[in-house]
């Protein structure tokens, strides 16, 4: 969205600049109402683009400020008191489990190993 904002601001600047030139030229030696109308329309569209850019920036900032809370429901009977790292055997806590691409992933705070939690077969 930021690229569209930049393009809108550049286009608005160009339209406002040429609109002011048209308005200025309309009041030259001979009054030309066609240039005045074209200048006013150009300036109006330019300021409209500025307003659209500002509103898009506010909307993007509001969307970025949203917090998402994801609760992890582990399958089967997982006893978190006995959950240990597969690499170093360090004790893991629920804070070490994160959802990545829809799968529970554990990051060991001791050895920094990352692996996906899998449910062992019950048979």
PDB file of N, CA and C in Angstrom:
ATOM      1  N   UNK A   1       0.819  -1.186   0.000  1.00  0.00           N
ATOM      2  CA  UNK A   1       0.000   0.000   0.000  1.00  0.00           C
ATOM      3  C   UNK A   1       0.863   1.251   0.000  1.00  0.00           C
ATOM      4  N   UNK A   2       2.053   1.174   0.508  1.00  0.00           N
ATOM      5  CA  UNK A   2       2.914   2.330   0.585  1.00  0.00           C
ATOM      6  C   UNK A   2       3.319   2.813  -0.805  1.00  0.00           C
ATOM      7  N   UNK A   3       3.533   1.911  -1.745  1.00  0.00           N
ATOM      8  CA  UNK A   3       3.912   2.305  -3.102  1.00  0.00           C
ATOM      9  C   UNK A   3       2.776   3.085  -3.766  1.00  0.00           C
ATOM     10  N   UNK A   4       1.530   2.666  -3.544  1.00  0.00           N
ATOM     11  CA  UNK A   4       0.401   3.389  -4.109  1.00  0.00           C
ATOM     12  C   UNK A   4       0.278   4.786  -3.511  1.00  0.00           C
ATOM     13  N   UNK A   5       0.598   4.918  -2.238  1.00  0.00           N
ATOM     14  CA  UNK A   5       0.579   6.236  -1.605  1.00  0.00           C
ATOM     15  C   UNK A   5       1.602   7.151  -2.244  1.00  0.00           C
ATOM     16  N   UNK A   6       2.800   6.655  -2.460  1.00  0.00           N
ATOM     17  CA  UNK A   6       3.858   7.461  -3.065  1.00  0.00           C
ATOM     18  C   UNK A   6       3.461   7.887  -4.474  1.00  0.00           C
ATOM     19  N   UNK A   7       2.900   6.965  -5.250  1.00  0.00           N
ATOM     20  CA  UNK A   7       2.457   7.290  -6.605  1.00  0.00           C
ATOM     21  C   UNK A   7       1.343   8.333  -6.562  1.00  0.00           C
ATOM     22  N   UNK A   8       0.418   8.208  -5.611  1.00  0.00           N
ATOM     23  CA  UNK A   8      -0.676   9.175  -5.486  1.00  0.00           C
ATOM     24  C   UNK A   8      -0.129  10.555  -5.139  1.00  0.00           C
ATOM     25  N   UNK A   9       0.845  10.630  -4.242  1.00  0.00           N
ATOM     26  CA  UNK A   9       1.416  11.927  -3.866  1.00  0.00           C
ATOM     27  C   UNK A   9       2.176  12.563  -5.027  1.00  0.00           C
ATOM     28  N   UNK A  10       2.908  11.780  -5.787  1.00  0.00           N
ATOM     29  CA  UNK A  10       3.639  12.316  -6.938  1.00  0.00           C
ATOM     30  C   UNK A  10       2.661  12.824  -7.996  1.00  0.00           C
ATOM     31  N   UNK A  11       1.630  12.029  -8.293  1.00  0.00           N
ATOM     32  CA  UNK A  11       0.626  12.448  -9.275  1.00  0.00           C
ATOM     33  C   UNK A  11      -0.106  13.699  -8.789  1.00  0.00           C
ATOM     34  N   UNK A  12      -0.407  13.768  -7.488  1.00  0.00           N
ATOM     35  CA  UNK A  12      -1.080  14.944  -6.934  1.00  0.00           C
ATOM     36  C   UNK A  12      -0.204  16.178  -7.072  1.00  0.00           C
ATOM     37  N   UNK A  13       1.086  16.038  -6.802  1.00  0.00           N
ATOM     38  CA  UNK A  13       1.997  17.173  -6.938  1.00  0.00           C
ATOM     39  C   UNK A  13       2.054  17.684  -8.373  1.00  0.00           C
ATOM     40  N   UNK A  14       2.125  16.768  -9.324  1.00  0.00           N
ATOM     41  CA  UNK A  14       2.173  17.169 -10.733  1.00  0.00           C
ATOM     42  C   UNK A  14       0.877  17.857 -11.135  1.00  0.00           C
ATOM     43  N   UNK A  15      -0.267  17.282 -10.746  1.00  0.00           N
ATOM     44  CA  UNK A  15      -1.554  17.874 -11.105  1.00  0.00           C
ATOM     45  C   UNK A  15      -1.738  19.250 -10.477  1.00  0.00           C
ATOM     46  N   UNK A  16      -1.363  19.401  -9.223  1.00  0.00           N
ATOM     47  CA  UNK A  16      -1.497  20.702  -8.559  1.00  0.00           C
ATOM     48  C   UNK A  16      -0.571  21.727  -9.205  1.00  0.00           C
ATOM     49  N   UNK A  17       0.662  21.335  -9.512  1.00  0.00           N
ATOM     50  CA  UNK A  17       1.612  22.257 -10.142  1.00  0.00           C
ATOM     51  C   UNK A  17       1.083  22.771 -11.480  1.00  0.00           C
ATOM     52  N   UNK A  18       0.678  21.835 -12.355  1.00  0.00           N
ATOM     53  CA  UNK A  18       0.179  22.266 -13.658  1.00  0.00           C
ATOM     54  C   UNK A  18      -1.177  22.971 -13.552  1.00  0.00           C
ATOM     55  N   UNK A  19      -1.975  22.597 -12.572  1.00  0.00           N
ATOM     56  CA  UNK A  19      -3.245  23.296 -12.368  1.00  0.00           C
ATOM     57  C   UNK A  19      -3.033  24.747 -11.994  1.00  0.00           C
ATOM     58  N   UNK A  20      -2.071  24.997 -11.108  1.00  0.00           N
ATOM     59  CA  UNK A  20      -1.755  26.377 -10.736  1.00  0.00           C
ATOM     60  C   UNK A  20      -1.218  27.138 -11.950  1.00  0.00           C
ATOM     61  N   UNK A  21      -0.390  26.501 -12.769  1.00  0.00           N
ATOM     62  CA  UNK A  21       0.105  27.160 -13.975  1.00  0.00           C
ATOM     63  C   UNK A  21      -1.039  27.507 -14.930  1.00  0.00           C
ATOM     64  N   UNK A  22      -1.994  26.609 -15.092  1.00  0.00           N
ATOM     65  CA  UNK A  22      -3.144  26.893 -15.953  1.00  0.00           C
ATOM     66  C   UNK A  22      -3.969  28.060 -15.404  1.00  0.00           C
ATOM     67  N   UNK A  23      -4.187  28.073 -14.094  1.00  0.00           N
ATOM     68  CA  UNK A  23      -4.954  29.166 -13.489  1.00  0.00           C
ATOM     69  C   UNK A  23      -4.211  30.490 -13.671  1.00  0.00           C
ATOM     70  N   UNK A  24      -2.931  30.478 -13.462  1.00  0.00           N
ATOM     71  CA  UNK A  24      -2.116  31.684 -13.617  1.00  0.00           C
ATOM     72  C   UNK A  24      -2.149  32.175 -15.067  1.00  0.00           C
ATOM     73  N   UNK A  25      -2.044  31.225 -16.008  1.00  0.00           N
ATOM     74  CA  UNK A  25      -2.059  31.590 -17.421  1.00  0.00           C
ATOM     75  C   UNK A  25      -3.429  32.104 -17.862  1.00  0.00           C
ATOM     76  N   UNK A  26      -4.494  31.669 -17.202  1.00  0.00           N
ATOM     77  CA  UNK A  26      -5.839  32.113 -17.577  1.00  0.00           C
ATOM     78  C   UNK A  26      -6.010  33.614 -17.365  1.00  0.00           C
ATOM     79  N   UNK A  27      -5.272  34.181 -16.416  1.00  0.00           N
ATOM     80  CA  UNK A  27      -5.389  35.605 -16.119  1.00  0.00           C
ATOM     81  C   UNK A  27      -4.278  36.407 -16.781  1.00  0.00           C
ATOM     82  N   UNK A  28      -3.801  35.939 -17.919  1.00  0.00           N
ATOM     83  CA  UNK A  28      -2.751  36.637 -18.665  1.00  0.00           C
ATOM     84  C   UNK A  28      -3.305  37.876 -19.358  1.00  0.00           C
ATOM     85  N   UNK A  29      -2.735  38.215 -20.521  1.00  0.00           N
ATOM     86  CA  UNK A  29      -3.163  39.396 -21.270  1.00  0.00           C
ATOM     87  C   UNK A  29      -4.623  39.292 -21.669  1.00  0.00           C
ATOM     88  N   UNK A  30      -5.044  38.124 -22.082  1.00  0.00           N
ATOM     89  CA  UNK A  30      -6.445  37.885 -22.408  1.00  0.00           C
ATOM     90  C   UNK A  30      -6.968  36.808 -21.474  1.00  0.00           C
ATOM     91  N   UNK A  31      -8.121  37.056 -20.874  1.00  0.00           N
ATOM     92  CA  UNK A  31      -8.709  36.061 -19.982  1.00  0.00           C
ATOM     93  C   UNK A  31      -9.172  34.863 -20.786  1.00  0.00           C
ATOM     94  N   UNK A  32      -8.790  33.656 -20.326  1.00  0.00           N
ATOM     95  CA  UNK A  32      -9.168  32.428 -21.011  1.00  0.00           C
ATOM     96  C   UNK A  32      -9.879  31.530 -20.003  1.00  0.00           C
ATOM     97  N   UNK A  33     -11.198  31.446 -20.121  1.00  0.00           N
ATOM     98  CA  UNK A  33     -11.972  30.674 -19.147  1.00  0.00           C
ATOM     99  C   UNK A  33     -11.720  29.171 -19.273  1.00  0.00           C
ATOM    100  N   UNK A  34     -11.332  28.700 -20.434  1.00  0.00           N
ATOM    101  CA  UNK A  34     -11.049  27.270 -20.619  1.00  0.00           C
ATOM    102  C   UNK A  34      -9.847  26.829 -19.795  1.00  0.00           C
ATOM    103  N   UNK A  35      -8.827  27.673 -19.769  1.00  0.00           N
ATOM    104  CA  UNK A  35      -7.641  27.345 -18.974  1.00  0.00           C
ATOM    105  C   UNK A  35      -7.948  27.413 -17.480  1.00  0.00           C
ATOM    106  N   UNK A  36      -8.807  28.351 -17.093  1.00  0.00           N
ATOM    107  CA  UNK A  36      -9.193  28.467 -15.689  1.00  0.00           C
ATOM    108  C   UNK A  36      -9.925  27.202 -15.230  1.00  0.00           C
ATOM    109  N   UNK A  37     -10.850  26.732 -16.039  1.00  0.00           N
ATOM    110  CA  UNK A  37     -11.610  25.518 -15.695  1.00  0.00           C
ATOM    111  C   UNK A  37     -10.670  24.309 -15.633  1.00  0.00           C
ATOM    112  N   UNK A  38      -9.779  24.185 -16.624  1.00  0.00           N
ATOM    113  CA  UNK A  38      -8.833  23.060 -16.632  1.00  0.00           C
ATOM    114  C   UNK A  38      -7.922  23.117 -15.412  1.00  0.00           C
ATOM    115  N   UNK A  39      -7.490  24.312 -15.037  1.00  0.00           N
ATOM    116  CA  UNK A  39      -6.630  24.465 -13.859  1.00  0.00           C
ATOM    117  C   UNK A  39      -7.345  24.102 -12.574  1.00  0.00           C
ATOM    118  N   UNK A  40      -8.587  24.555 -12.439  1.00  0.00           N
ATOM    119  CA  UNK A  40      -9.352  24.240 -11.222  1.00  0.00           C
ATOM    120  C   UNK A  40      -9.632  22.744 -11.111  1.00  0.00           C
ATOM    121  N   UNK A  41      -9.952  22.112 -12.229  1.00  0.00           N
ATOM    122  CA  UNK A  41     -10.190  20.663 -12.214  1.00  0.00           C
ATOM    123  C   UNK A  41      -8.910  19.922 -11.846  1.00  0.00           C
ATOM    124  N   UNK A  42      -7.789  20.343 -12.411  1.00  0.00           N
ATOM    125  CA  UNK A  42      -6.508  19.688 -12.118  1.00  0.00           C
ATOM    126  C   UNK A  42      -6.128  19.839 -10.646  1.00  0.00           C
ATOM    127  N   UNK A  43      -6.293  21.045 -10.103  1.00  0.00           N
ATOM    128  CA  UNK A  43      -5.987  21.266  -8.680  1.00  0.00           C
ATOM    129  C   UNK A  43      -6.937  20.450  -7.807  1.00  0.00           C
ATOM    130  N   UNK A  44      -8.212  20.388  -8.163  1.00  0.00           N
ATOM    131  CA  UNK A  44      -9.183  19.605  -7.388  1.00  0.00           C
ATOM    132  C   UNK A  44      -8.839  18.121  -7.366  1.00  0.00           C
ATOM    133  N   UNK A  45      -8.479  17.583  -8.529  1.00  0.00           N
ATOM    134  CA  UNK A  45      -8.094  16.168  -8.590  1.00  0.00           C
ATOM    135  C   UNK A  45      -6.810  15.935  -7.787  1.00  0.00           C
ATOM    136  N   UNK A  46      -5.874  16.877  -7.861  1.00  0.00           N
ATOM    137  CA  UNK A  46      -4.626  16.750  -7.099  1.00  0.00           C
ATOM    138  C   UNK A  46      -4.880  16.690  -5.602  1.00  0.00           C
ATOM    139  N   UNK A  47      -5.721  17.610  -5.093  1.00  0.00           N
ATOM    140  CA  UNK A  47      -6.030  17.581  -3.666  1.00  0.00           C
ATOM    141  C   UNK A  47      -6.844  16.339  -3.300  1.00  0.00           C
ATOM    142  N   UNK A  48      -7.670  15.865  -4.221  1.00  0.00           N
ATOM    143  CA  UNK A  48      -8.395  14.613  -3.983  1.00  0.00           C
ATOM    144  C   UNK A  48      -7.438  13.436  -3.824  1.00  0.00           C
ATOM    145  N   UNK A  49      -6.393  13.396  -4.647  1.00  0.00           N
ATOM    146  CA  UNK A  49      -5.394  12.330  -4.519  1.00  0.00           C
ATOM    147  C   UNK A  49      -4.634  12.423  -3.197  1.00  0.00           C
ATOM    148  N   UNK A  50      -4.358  13.640  -2.738  1.00  0.00           N
ATOM    149  CA  UNK A  50      -3.693  13.807  -1.440  1.00  0.00           C
ATOM    150  C   UNK A  50      -4.582  13.252  -0.328  1.00  0.00           C
ATOM    151  N   UNK A  51      -5.867  13.561  -0.377  1.00  0.00           N
ATOM    152  CA  UNK A  51      -6.796  13.067   0.645  1.00  0.00           C
ATOM    153  C   UNK A  51      -6.884  11.544   0.603  1.00  0.00           C
ATOM    154  N   UNK A  52      -6.935  10.970  -0.589  1.00  0.00           N
ATOM    155  CA  UNK A  52      -6.973   9.507  -0.721  1.00  0.00           C
ATOM    156  C   UNK A  52      -5.700   8.890  -0.143  1.00  0.00           C
ATOM    157  N   UNK A  53      -4.551   9.495  -0.389  1.00  0.00           N
ATOM    158  CA  UNK A  53      -3.285   8.986   0.148  1.00  0.00           C
ATOM    159  C   UNK A  53      -3.246   9.037   1.664  1.00  0.00           C
ATOM    160  N   UNK A  54      -3.741  10.129   2.239  1.00  0.00           N
ATOM    161  CA  UNK A  54      -3.755  10.253   3.701  1.00  0.00           C
ATOM    162  C   UNK A  54      -4.695   9.222   4.314  1.00  0.00           C
ATOM    163  N   UNK A  55      -5.878   9.068   3.741  1.00  0.00           N
ATOM    164  CA  UNK A  55      -6.838   8.087   4.272  1.00  0.00           C
ATOM    165  C   UNK A  55      -6.318   6.658   4.141  1.00  0.00           C
ATOM    166  N   UNK A  56      -5.629   6.357   3.047  1.00  0.00           N
ATOM    167  CA  UNK A  56      -5.060   5.022   2.876  1.00  0.00           C
ATOM    168  C   UNK A  56      -3.967   4.774   3.906  1.00  0.00           C
ATOM    169  N   UNK A  57      -3.184   5.783   4.221  1.00  0.00           N
ATOM    170  CA  UNK A  57      -2.149   5.646   5.248  1.00  0.00           C
ATOM    171  C   UNK A  57      -2.743   5.403   6.624  1.00  0.00           C
ATOM    172  N   UNK A  58      -3.820   6.112   6.939  1.00  0.00           N
ATOM    173  CA  UNK A  58      -4.480   5.907   8.237  1.00  0.00           C
ATOM    174  C   UNK A  58      -5.083   4.509   8.326  1.00  0.00           C
ATOM    175  N   UNK A  59      -5.675   4.048   7.226  1.00  0.00           N
ATOM    176  CA  UNK A  59      -6.280   2.715   7.216  1.00  0.00           C
ATOM    177  C   UNK A  59      -5.214   1.640   7.384  1.00  0.00           C
ATOM    178  N   UNK A  60      -4.067   1.814   6.721  1.00  0.00           N
ATOM    179  CA  UNK A  60      -2.981   0.842   6.845  1.00  0.00           C
ATOM    180  C   UNK A  60      -2.425   0.835   8.264  1.00  0.00           C
ATOM    181  N   UNK A  61      -2.328   2.017   8.885  1.00  0.00           N
ATOM    182  CA  UNK A  61      -1.836   2.084  10.260  1.00  0.00           C
ATOM    183  C   UNK A  61      -2.820   1.428  11.227  1.00  0.00           C
ATOM    184  N   UNK A  62      -4.117   1.590  10.982  1.00  0.00           N
ATOM    185  CA  UNK A  62      -5.119   0.969  11.852  1.00  0.00           C
ATOM    186  C   UNK A  62      -5.090  -0.550  11.720  1.00  0.00           C
ATOM    187  N   UNK A  63      -4.864  -1.051  10.511  1.00  0.00           N
ATOM    188  CA  UNK A  63      -4.801  -2.499  10.320  1.00  0.00           C
ATOM    189  C   UNK A  63      -3.538  -3.078  10.939  1.00  0.00           C
ATOM    190  N   UNK A  64      -2.444  -2.331  10.910  1.00  0.00           N
ATOM    191  CA  UNK A  64      -1.188  -2.821  11.476  1.00  0.00           C
ATOM    192  C   UNK A  64      -1.245  -2.848  12.998  1.00  0.00           C
ATOM    193  N   UNK A  65      -2.119  -2.045  13.593  1.00  0.00           N
ATOM    194  CA  UNK A  65      -2.190  -1.959  15.047  1.00  0.00           C
ATOM    195  C   UNK A  65      -3.010  -3.089  15.667  1.00  0.00           C
ATOM    196  N   UNK A  66      -3.653  -3.919  14.866  1.00  0.00           N
ATOM    197  CA  UNK A  66      -4.473  -4.995  15.399  1.00  0.00           C
ATOM    198  C   UNK A  66      -3.589  -6.111  15.955  1.00  0.00           C
ATOM    199  N   UNK A  67      -3.953  -6.609  17.112  1.00  0.00           N
ATOM    200  CA  UNK A  67      -3.244  -7.734  17.719  1.00  0.00           C
ATOM    201  C   UNK A  67      -4.057  -8.998  17.523  1.00  0.00           C
ATOM    202  N   UNK A  68      -3.364 -10.066  17.191  1.00  0.00           N
ATOM    203  CA  UNK A  68      -4.019 -11.354  16.998  1.00  0.00           C
ATOM    204  C   UNK A  68      -3.526 -12.300  18.081  1.00  0.00           C
ATOM    205  N   UNK A  69      -4.452 -12.898  18.800  1.00  0.00           N
ATOM    206  CA  UNK A  69      -4.111 -13.870  19.826  1.00  0.00           C
ATOM    207  C   UNK A  69      -4.494 -15.252  19.315  1.00  0.00           C
ATOM    208  N   UNK A  70      -3.537 -16.146  19.342  1.00  0.00           N
ATOM    209  CA  UNK A  70      -3.771 -17.498  18.852  1.00  0.00           C
ATOM    210  C   UNK A  70      -3.583 -18.464  20.015  1.00  0.00           C
ATOM    211  N   UNK A  71      -4.628 -19.203  20.323  1.00  0.00           N
ATOM    212  CA  UNK A  71      -4.541 -20.187  21.394  1.00  0.00           C
ATOM    213  C   UNK A  71      -4.226 -21.528  20.768  1.00  0.00           C
ATOM    214  N   UNK A  72      -3.263 -22.211  21.334  1.00  0.00           N
ATOM    215  CA  UNK A  72      -2.822 -23.499  20.798  1.00  0.00           C
ATOM    216  C   UNK A  72      -3.520 -24.609  21.560  1.00  0.00           C
ATOM    217  N   UNK A  73      -4.186 -25.474  20.835  1.00  0.00           N
ATOM    218  CA  UNK A  73      -4.830 -26.640  21.418  1.00  0.00           C
ATOM    219  C   UNK A  73      -4.083 -27.857  20.888  1.00  0.00           C
ATOM    220  N   UNK A  74      -3.246 -28.441  21.724  1.00  0.00           N
ATOM    221  CA  UNK A  74      -2.432 -29.571  21.293  1.00  0.00           C
ATOM    222  C   UNK A  74      -3.286 -30.827  21.218  1.00  0.00           C
ATOM    223  N   UNK A  75      -3.050 -31.656  20.210  1.00  0.00           N
ATOM    224  CA  UNK A  75      -3.850 -32.873  20.057  1.00  0.00           C
ATOM    225  C   UNK A  75      -3.492 -33.909  21.120  1.00  0.00           C
ATOM    226  N   UNK A  76      -4.451 -34.755  21.419  1.00  0.00           N
ATOM    227  CA  UNK A  76      -4.293 -35.881  22.351  1.00  0.00           C
ATOM    228  C   UNK A  76      -3.962 -35.388  23.751  1.00  0.00           C
ATOM    229  N   UNK A  77      -3.434 -36.265  24.566  1.00  0.00           N
ATOM    230  CA  UNK A  77      -3.085 -35.929  25.934  1.00  0.00           C
ATOM    231  C   UNK A  77      -1.601 -35.594  25.998  1.00  0.00           C
ATOM    232  N   UNK A  78      -1.305 -34.326  25.947  1.00  0.00           N
ATOM    233  CA  UNK A  78       0.086 -33.882  26.030  1.00  0.00           C
ATOM    234  C   UNK A  78       0.296 -33.340  27.433  1.00  0.00           C
ATOM    235  N   UNK A  79       1.262 -33.879  28.099  1.00  0.00           N
ATOM    236  CA  UNK A  79       1.585 -33.423  29.433  1.00  0.00           C
ATOM    237  C   UNK A  79       2.755 -32.451  29.322  1.00  0.00           C
ATOM    238  N   UNK A  80       2.483 -31.186  29.535  1.00  0.00           N
ATOM    239  CA  UNK A  80       3.515 -30.174  29.360  1.00  0.00           C
ATOM    240  C   UNK A  80       4.586 -30.235  30.444  1.00  0.00           C
ATOM    241  N   UNK A  81       4.316 -30.916  31.530  1.00  0.00           N
ATOM    242  CA  UNK A  81       5.339 -31.045  32.572  1.00  0.00           C
ATOM    243  C   UNK A  81       6.491 -31.932  32.095  1.00  0.00           C
ATOM    244  N   UNK A  82       6.214 -32.849  31.182  1.00  0.00           N
ATOM    245  CA  UNK A  82       7.241 -33.780  30.722  1.00  0.00           C
ATOM    246  C   UNK A  82       7.723 -33.484  29.303  1.00  0.00           C
ATOM    247  N   UNK A  83       7.325 -32.365  28.723  1.00  0.00           N
ATOM    248  CA  UNK A  83       7.753 -32.027  27.375  1.00  0.00           C
ATOM    249  C   UNK A  83       9.206 -31.565  27.415  1.00  0.00           C
ATOM    250  N   UNK A  84      10.066 -32.302  26.699  1.00  0.00           N
ATOM    251  CA  UNK A  84      11.499 -32.002  26.694  1.00  0.00           C
ATOM    252  C   UNK A  84      11.987 -31.864  25.273  1.00  0.00           C
ATOM    253  N   UNK A  85      13.061 -31.117  25.107  1.00  0.00           N
ATOM    254  CA  UNK A  85      13.658 -30.894  23.789  1.00  0.00           C
ATOM    255  C   UNK A  85      14.194 -32.217  23.250  1.00  0.00           C
ATOM    256  N   UNK A  86      13.968 -32.445  21.953  1.00  0.00           N
ATOM    257  CA  UNK A  86      14.449 -33.681  21.328  1.00  0.00           C
ATOM    258  C   UNK A  86      15.960 -33.663  21.152  1.00  0.00           C
ATOM    259  N   UNK A  87      16.562 -32.489  21.109  1.00  0.00           N
ATOM    260  CA  UNK A  87      18.011 -32.402  20.874  1.00  0.00           C
ATOM    261  C   UNK A  87      18.816 -32.416  22.165  1.00  0.00           C
ATOM    262  N   UNK A  88      18.471 -31.518  23.098  1.00  0.00           N
ATOM    263  CA  UNK A  88      19.305 -31.394  24.305  1.00  0.00           C
ATOM    264  C   UNK A  88      18.638 -31.906  25.564  1.00  0.00           C
ATOM    265  N   UNK A  89      17.331 -32.174  25.520  1.00  0.00           N
ATOM    266  CA  UNK A  89      16.632 -32.680  26.691  1.00  0.00           C
ATOM    267  C   UNK A  89      16.204 -31.600  27.662  1.00  0.00           C
ATOM    268  N   UNK A  90      16.332 -30.330  27.279  1.00  0.00           N
ATOM    269  CA  UNK A  90      15.929 -29.222  28.149  1.00  0.00           C
ATOM    270  C   UNK A  90      14.424 -29.163  28.302  1.00  0.00           C
ATOM    271  N   UNK A  91      13.973 -28.670  29.451  1.00  0.00           N
ATOM    272  CA  UNK A  91      12.540 -28.573  29.725  1.00  0.00           C
ATOM    273  C   UNK A  91      11.930 -27.451  28.889  1.00  0.00           C
ATOM    274  N   UNK A  92      10.788 -27.749  28.279  1.00  0.00           N
ATOM    275  CA  UNK A  92      10.092 -26.778  27.447  1.00  0.00           C
ATOM    276  C   UNK A  92       8.824 -26.317  28.145  1.00  0.00           C
ATOM    277  N   UNK A  93       8.456 -25.077  27.911  1.00  0.00           N
ATOM    278  CA  UNK A  93       7.245 -24.500  28.492  1.00  0.00           C
ATOM    279  C   UNK A  93       6.263 -24.185  27.367  1.00  0.00           C
ATOM    280  N   UNK A  94       5.005 -23.894  27.709  1.00  0.00           N
ATOM    281  CA  UNK A  94       4.035 -23.527  26.663  1.00  0.00           C
ATOM    282  C   UNK A  94       4.439 -22.268  25.887  1.00  0.00           C
ATOM    283  N   UNK A  95       5.251 -21.397  26.486  1.00  0.00           N
ATOM    284  CA  UNK A  95       5.700 -20.192  25.789  1.00  0.00           C
ATOM    285  C   UNK A  95       6.652 -20.510  24.648  1.00  0.00           C
ATOM    286  N   UNK A  96       7.260 -21.686  24.654  1.00  0.00           N
ATOM    287  CA  UNK A  96       8.201 -22.081  23.609  1.00  0.00           C
ATOM    288  C   UNK A  96       7.503 -22.631  22.372  1.00  0.00           C
ATOM    289  N   UNK A  97       6.176 -22.800  22.433  1.00  0.00           N
ATOM    290  CA  UNK A  97       5.412 -23.363  21.324  1.00  0.00           C
ATOM    291  C   UNK A  97       4.717 -22.227  20.583  1.00  0.00           C
ATOM    292  N   UNK A  98       4.928 -22.155  19.286  1.00  0.00           N
ATOM    293  CA  UNK A  98       4.316 -21.136  18.430  1.00  0.00           C
ATOM    294  C   UNK A  98       3.669 -21.830  17.230  1.00  0.00           C
ATOM    295  N   UNK A  99       2.663 -21.174  16.661  1.00  0.00           N
ATOM    296  CA  UNK A  99       2.031 -21.689  15.458  1.00  0.00           C
ATOM    297  C   UNK A  99       2.715 -21.073  14.245  1.00  0.00           C
ATOM    298  N   UNK A 100       3.239 -21.912  13.361  1.00  0.00           N
ATOM    299  CA  UNK A 100       3.874 -21.462  12.125  1.00  0.00           C
ATOM    300  C   UNK A 100       3.216 -22.217  10.983  1.00  0.00           C
ATOM    301  N   UNK A 101       2.588 -21.495  10.088  1.00  0.00           N
ATOM    302  CA  UNK A 101       1.905 -22.078   8.929  1.00  0.00           C
ATOM    303  C   UNK A 101       0.895 -23.145   9.347  1.00  0.00           C
ATOM    304  N   UNK A 102       0.215 -22.928  10.469  1.00  0.00           N
ATOM    305  CA  UNK A 102      -0.830 -23.832  10.906  1.00  0.00           C
ATOM    306  C   UNK A 102      -0.356 -25.062  11.664  1.00  0.00           C
ATOM    307  N   UNK A 103       0.935 -25.156  11.965  1.00  0.00           N
ATOM    308  CA  UNK A 103       1.459 -26.322  12.683  1.00  0.00           C
ATOM    309  C   UNK A 103       2.170 -25.846  13.951  1.00  0.00           C
ATOM    310  N   UNK A 104       2.034 -26.588  15.054  1.00  0.00           N
ATOM    311  CA  UNK A 104       2.746 -26.199  16.275  1.00  0.00           C
ATOM    312  C   UNK A 104       4.248 -26.468  16.135  1.00  0.00           C
ATOM    313  N   UNK A 105       5.042 -25.443  16.368  1.00  0.00           N
ATOM    314  CA  UNK A 105       6.489 -25.529  16.243  1.00  0.00           C
ATOM    315  C   UNK A 105       7.112 -25.139  17.577  1.00  0.00           C
ATOM    316  N   UNK A 106       8.091 -25.927  18.022  1.00  0.00           N
ATOM    317  CA  UNK A 106       8.773 -25.692  19.292  1.00  0.00           C
ATOM    318  C   UNK A 106      10.164 -25.147  19.014  1.00  0.00           C
ATOM    319  N   UNK A 107      10.545 -24.104  19.767  1.00  0.00           N
ATOM    320  CA  UNK A 107      11.908 -23.583  19.719  1.00  0.00           C
ATOM    321  C   UNK A 107      12.499 -23.736  21.115  1.00  0.00           C
ATOM    322  N   UNK A 108      13.564 -24.494  21.216  1.00  0.00           N
ATOM    323  CA  UNK A 108      14.191 -24.745  22.512  1.00  0.00           C
ATOM    324  C   UNK A 108      14.932 -23.485  22.951  1.00  0.00           C
ATOM    325  N   UNK A 109      14.683 -23.012  24.196  1.00  0.00           N
ATOM    326  CA  UNK A 109      15.370 -21.811  24.666  1.00  0.00           C
ATOM    327  C   UNK A 109      16.837 -22.061  25.001  1.00  0.00           C
ATOM    328  N   UNK A 110      17.251 -23.313  25.092  1.00  0.00           N
ATOM    329  CA  UNK A 110      18.626 -23.635  25.479  1.00  0.00           C
ATOM    330  C   UNK A 110      19.533 -23.831  24.258  1.00  0.00           C
ATOM    331  N   UNK A 111      19.126 -24.728  23.371  1.00  0.00           N
ATOM    332  CA  UNK A 111      19.984 -25.036  22.216  1.00  0.00           C
ATOM    333  C   UNK A 111      19.499 -24.368  20.931  1.00  0.00           C
ATOM    334  N   UNK A 112      18.377 -23.628  20.991  1.00  0.00           N
ATOM    335  CA  UNK A 112      17.800 -22.904  19.850  1.00  0.00           C
ATOM    336  C   UNK A 112      17.379 -23.813  18.698  1.00  0.00           C
ATOM    337  N   UNK A 113      17.162 -25.099  18.957  1.00  0.00           N
ATOM    338  CA  UNK A 113      16.680 -26.024  17.938  1.00  0.00           C
ATOM    339  C   UNK A 113      15.193 -25.781  17.716  1.00  0.00           C
ATOM    340  N   UNK A 114      14.777 -25.809  16.463  1.00  0.00           N
ATOM    341  CA  UNK A 114      13.371 -25.616  16.116  1.00  0.00           C
ATOM    342  C   UNK A 114      12.870 -26.858  15.395  1.00  0.00           C
ATOM    343  N   UNK A 115      11.745 -27.390  15.862  1.00  0.00           N
ATOM    344  CA  UNK A 115      11.156 -28.558  15.206  1.00  0.00           C
ATOM    345  C   UNK A 115       9.649 -28.525  15.414  1.00  0.00           C
ATOM    346  N   UNK A 116       8.952 -29.277  14.559  1.00  0.00           N
ATOM    347  CA  UNK A 116       7.496 -29.330  14.605  1.00  0.00           C
ATOM    348  C   UNK A 116       7.047 -30.400  15.576  1.00  0.00           C
ATOM    349  N   UNK A 117       6.025 -30.094  16.359  1.00  0.00           N
ATOM    350  CA  UNK A 117       5.451 -31.083  17.272  1.00  0.00           C
ATOM    351  C   UNK A 117       4.646 -32.093  16.464  1.00  0.00           C
ATOM    352  N   UNK A 118       4.859 -33.343  16.746  1.00  0.00           N
ATOM    353  CA  UNK A 118       4.095 -34.394  16.083  1.00  0.00           C
ATOM    354  C   UNK A 118       3.485 -35.289  17.149  1.00  0.00           C
ATOM    355  N   UNK A 119       2.340 -35.818  16.855  1.00  0.00           N
ATOM    356  CA  UNK A 119       1.657 -36.716  17.781  1.00  0.00           C
ATOM    357  C   UNK A 119       2.129 -38.143  17.521  1.00  0.00           C
ATOM    358  N   UNK A 120       2.575 -38.764  18.554  1.00  0.00           N
ATOM    359  CA  UNK A 120       3.022 -40.155  18.436  1.00  0.00           C
ATOM    360  C   UNK A 120       1.806 -41.077  18.290  1.00  0.00           C
ATOM    361  N   UNK A 121       1.920 -42.117  17.499  1.00  0.00           N
ATOM    362  CA  UNK A 121       0.807 -43.062  17.381  1.00  0.00           C
ATOM    363  C   UNK A 121       0.472 -43.695  18.737  1.00  0.00           C
ATOM    364  N   UNK A 122      -0.800 -43.972  18.960  1.00  0.00           N
ATOM    365  CA  UNK A 122      -1.235 -44.509  20.233  1.00  0.00           C
ATOM    366  C   UNK A 122      -1.178 -46.030  20.302  1.00  0.00           C
ATOM    367  N   UNK A 123      -0.855 -46.708  19.224  1.00  0.00           N
ATOM    368  CA  UNK A 123      -0.816 -48.164  19.254  1.00  0.00           C
ATOM    369  C   UNK A 123       0.511 -48.705  19.633  1.00  0.00           C
TER     370      UNK A 123
END
